[in-house]
Amino acid sequence: MSQTRLCSLNDIENGDSIGLVAEIDGLRTSLIVVRQGEQAFVYVNVCPHTGAPLDFEPGQFMNFDRAFIMCAMHGALFNIHDGFCIQGPCVGKSLTPIASEVREGQVWLAV
């Protein structure tokens, strides 16, 4: 297993998110990275309802109060910690999590 550095935690304001592209299994994959304190949560940037990216504006994935990841297309809300949809047309489905870890302030993707 190799590891790829995605970003620094300092690249993301606490409670906010960014969008990145990384190679996973030989494919360029659009990702969401959400920072919560010293943790980062990484998901594939694909809504389980439509298959479309969650962001209308590049890198903007959070709802107004930054409590949930939000699909800009239809307003579905997803828990930050597990990607589970709690509101919208895809309730009960989840974002696809990507294995990652934070080491020494850097977010690493395990692929």
C-alpha atoms as a PDB file:
ATOM      1  CA  MET A   1       0.000   0.000   0.000  1.00  0.00           C
ATOM      2  CA  SER A   2       1.375   3.389  -0.944  1.00  0.00           C
ATOM      3  CA  GLN A   3       0.351   6.673   0.586  1.00  0.00           C
ATOM      4  CA  THR A   4      -0.345   9.948  -1.114  1.00  0.00           C
ATOM      5  CA  ARG A   5      -0.304  13.318   0.626  1.00  0.00           C
ATOM      6  CA  LEU A   6      -3.539  15.184  -0.097  1.00  0.00           C
ATOM      7  CA  CYS A   7      -3.058  18.463   1.740  1.00  0.00           C
ATOM      8  CA  SER A   8      -2.123  20.125   4.990  1.00  0.00           C
ATOM      9  CA  LEU A   9      -4.783  20.610   7.654  1.00  0.00           C
ATOM     10  CA  ASN A  10      -3.795  24.285   7.477  1.00  0.00           C
ATOM     11  CA  ASP A  11      -5.099  24.333   3.871  1.00  0.00           C
ATOM     12  CA  ILE A  12      -8.628  23.914   5.283  1.00  0.00           C
ATOM     13  CA  GLU A  13     -10.269  26.272   7.748  1.00  0.00           C
ATOM     14  CA  ASN A  14     -11.524  24.345  10.771  1.00  0.00           C
ATOM     15  CA  GLY A  15     -15.117  23.250  10.072  1.00  0.00           C
ATOM     16  CA  ASP A  16     -14.785  23.826   6.344  1.00  0.00           C
ATOM     17  CA  SER A  17     -13.959  21.711   3.299  1.00  0.00           C
ATOM     18  CA  ILE A  18     -11.981  21.652   0.094  1.00  0.00           C
ATOM     19  CA  GLY A  19     -12.179  19.677  -3.127  1.00  0.00           C
ATOM     20  CA  LEU A  20      -9.186  17.783  -4.493  1.00  0.00           C
ATOM     21  CA  VAL A  21      -8.403  15.294  -7.220  1.00  0.00           C
ATOM     22  CA  ALA A  22      -6.286  12.234  -6.468  1.00  0.00           C
ATOM     23  CA  GLU A  23      -5.426   9.068  -8.334  1.00  0.00           C
ATOM     24  CA  ILE A  24      -7.185   6.040  -6.835  1.00  0.00           C
ATOM     25  CA  ASP A  25      -6.812   2.622  -8.445  1.00  0.00           C
ATOM     26  CA  GLY A  26      -5.378   4.324 -11.528  1.00  0.00           C
ATOM     27  CA  LEU A  27      -8.334   6.725 -11.926  1.00  0.00           C
ATOM     28  CA  ARG A  28      -8.427  10.463 -11.271  1.00  0.00           C
ATOM     29  CA  THR A  29     -11.062  10.819  -8.543  1.00  0.00           C
ATOM     30  CA  SER A  30     -12.709  14.000  -7.270  1.00  0.00           C
ATOM     31  CA  LEU A  31     -12.628  14.123  -3.461  1.00  0.00           C
ATOM     32  CA  ILE A  32     -14.120  16.105  -0.595  1.00  0.00           C
ATOM     33  CA  VAL A  33     -11.925  16.755   2.455  1.00  0.00           C
ATOM     34  CA  VAL A  34     -13.677  18.126   5.560  1.00  0.00           C
ATOM     35  CA  ARG A  35     -11.686  19.357   8.554  1.00  0.00           C
ATOM     36  CA  GLN A  36     -12.997  18.959  12.092  1.00  0.00           C
ATOM     37  CA  GLY A  37     -10.321  20.130  14.506  1.00  0.00           C
ATOM     38  CA  GLU A  38      -7.297  17.893  14.020  1.00  0.00           C
ATOM     39  CA  GLN A  39      -9.295  15.314  12.024  1.00  0.00           C
ATOM     40  CA  ALA A  40     -10.046  15.136   8.311  1.00  0.00           C
ATOM     41  CA  PHE A  41     -12.832  13.166   6.646  1.00  0.00           C
ATOM     42  CA  VAL A  42     -12.433  12.235   2.984  1.00  0.00           C
ATOM     43  CA  TYR A  43     -15.223  11.188   0.602  1.00  0.00           C
ATOM     44  CA  VAL A  44     -15.652  10.731  -3.135  1.00  0.00           C
ATOM     45  CA  ASN A  45     -17.305  13.868  -4.554  1.00  0.00           C
ATOM     46  CA  VAL A  46     -20.365  12.045  -5.924  1.00  0.00           C
ATOM     47  CA  CYS A  47     -23.935  12.334  -4.676  1.00  0.00           C
ATOM     48  CA  PRO A  48     -25.467   8.869  -4.118  1.00  0.00           C
ATOM     49  CA  HIS A  49     -28.777  10.192  -5.501  1.00  0.00           C
ATOM     50  CA  THR A  50     -27.755  11.514  -8.918  1.00  0.00           C
ATOM     51  CA  GLY A  51     -24.091  10.610  -9.318  1.00  0.00           C
ATOM     52  CA  ALA A  52     -23.282  14.311  -9.824  1.00  0.00           C
ATOM     53  CA  PRO A  53     -20.614  16.240  -7.899  1.00  0.00           C
ATOM     54  CA  LEU A  54     -21.885  17.774  -4.660  1.00  0.00           C
ATOM     55  CA  ASP A  55     -20.426  21.256  -5.241  1.00  0.00           C
ATOM     56  CA  PHE A  56     -21.804  23.937  -7.586  1.00  0.00           C
ATOM     57  CA  GLU A  57     -18.952  26.250  -6.610  1.00  0.00           C
ATOM     58  CA  PRO A  58     -15.632  24.368  -6.651  1.00  0.00           C
ATOM     59  CA  GLY A  59     -14.651  23.218  -3.181  1.00  0.00           C
ATOM     60  CA  GLN A  60     -17.814  24.401  -1.404  1.00  0.00           C
ATOM     61  CA  PHE A  61     -19.436  21.415   0.258  1.00  0.00           C
ATOM     62  CA  MET A  62     -20.749  22.588   3.624  1.00  0.00           C
ATOM     63  CA  ASN A  63     -24.224  23.806   4.557  1.00  0.00           C
ATOM     64  CA  PHE A  64     -24.642  27.341   5.897  1.00  0.00           C
ATOM     65  CA  ASP A  65     -23.734  26.579   9.531  1.00  0.00           C
ATOM     66  CA  ARG A  66     -21.050  24.034   8.539  1.00  0.00           C
ATOM     67  CA  ALA A  67     -22.776  21.247  10.478  1.00  0.00           C
ATOM     68  CA  PHE A  68     -23.239  18.962   7.432  1.00  0.00           C
ATOM     69  CA  ILE A  69     -21.884  18.216   3.985  1.00  0.00           C
ATOM     70  CA  MET A  70     -24.530  19.410   1.516  1.00  0.00           C
ATOM     71  CA  CYS A  71     -25.322  18.471  -2.060  1.00  0.00           C
ATOM     72  CA  ALA A  72     -25.757  21.775  -3.887  1.00  0.00           C
ATOM     73  CA  MET A  73     -28.022  20.159  -6.495  1.00  0.00           C
ATOM     74  CA  HIS A  74     -30.905  19.131  -4.240  1.00  0.00           C
ATOM     75  CA  GLY A  75     -29.931  20.079  -0.674  1.00  0.00           C
ATOM     76  CA  ALA A  76     -29.288  16.595   0.709  1.00  0.00           C
ATOM     77  CA  LEU A  77     -27.400  16.702   4.010  1.00  0.00           C
ATOM     78  CA  PHE A  78     -24.707  14.212   5.009  1.00  0.00           C
ATOM     79  CA  ASN A  79     -23.068  13.639   8.407  1.00  0.00           C
ATOM     80  CA  ILE A  80     -19.456  14.785   8.389  1.00  0.00           C
ATOM     81  CA  HIS A  81     -18.129  11.853  10.440  1.00  0.00           C
ATOM     82  CA  ASP A  82     -19.683   8.991   8.457  1.00  0.00           C
ATOM     83  CA  GLY A  83     -21.132  10.453   5.217  1.00  0.00           C
ATOM     84  CA  PHE A  84     -24.634   9.140   6.029  1.00  0.00           C
ATOM     85  CA  CYS A  85     -27.495  11.087   4.391  1.00  0.00           C
ATOM     86  CA  ILE A  86     -29.969  12.395   6.958  1.00  0.00           C
ATOM     87  CA  GLN A  87     -32.089  14.683   4.745  1.00  0.00           C
ATOM     88  CA  GLY A  88     -33.017  14.805   1.066  1.00  0.00           C
ATOM     89  CA  PRO A  89     -33.825  12.322  -1.688  1.00  0.00           C
ATOM     90  CA  CYS A  90     -30.999   9.945  -0.759  1.00  0.00           C
ATOM     91  CA  VAL A  91     -31.857   9.483   2.956  1.00  0.00           C
ATOM     92  CA  GLY A  92     -30.335   6.256   4.216  1.00  0.00           C
ATOM     93  CA  LYS A  93     -27.557   6.200   1.620  1.00  0.00           C
ATOM     94  CA  SER A  94     -24.002   7.366   2.228  1.00  0.00           C
ATOM     95  CA  LEU A  95     -21.143   9.140   0.559  1.00  0.00           C
ATOM     96  CA  THR A  96     -18.268   6.832  -0.378  1.00  0.00           C
ATOM     97  CA  PRO A  97     -15.559   7.156   2.296  1.00  0.00           C
ATOM     98  CA  ILE A  98     -11.888   7.104   1.373  1.00  0.00           C
ATOM     99  CA  ALA A  99      -9.336   5.726   3.832  1.00  0.00           C
ATOM    100  CA  SER A 100      -7.128   8.512   5.098  1.00  0.00           C
ATOM    101  CA  GLU A 101      -5.210   9.647   8.139  1.00  0.00           C
ATOM    102  CA  VAL A 102      -3.729  12.806   9.589  1.00  0.00           C
ATOM    103  CA  ARG A 103      -0.051  12.673  10.530  1.00  0.00           C
ATOM    104  CA  GLU A 104       1.917  15.661  11.747  1.00  0.00           C
ATOM    105  CA  GLY A 105      -0.702  18.057  10.388  1.00  0.00           C
ATOM    106  CA  GLN A 106      -0.811  16.474   6.917  1.00  0.00           C
ATOM    107  CA  VAL A 107      -3.755  14.580   5.401  1.00  0.00           C
ATOM    108  CA  TRP A 108      -2.697  11.344   3.740  1.00  0.00           C
ATOM    109  CA  LEU A 109      -4.752   9.187   1.409  1.00  0.00           C
ATOM    110  CA  ALA A 110      -4.192   5.447   1.802  1.00  0.00           C
ATOM    111  CA  VAL A 111      -4.591   3.865  -1.635  1.00  0.00           C
END
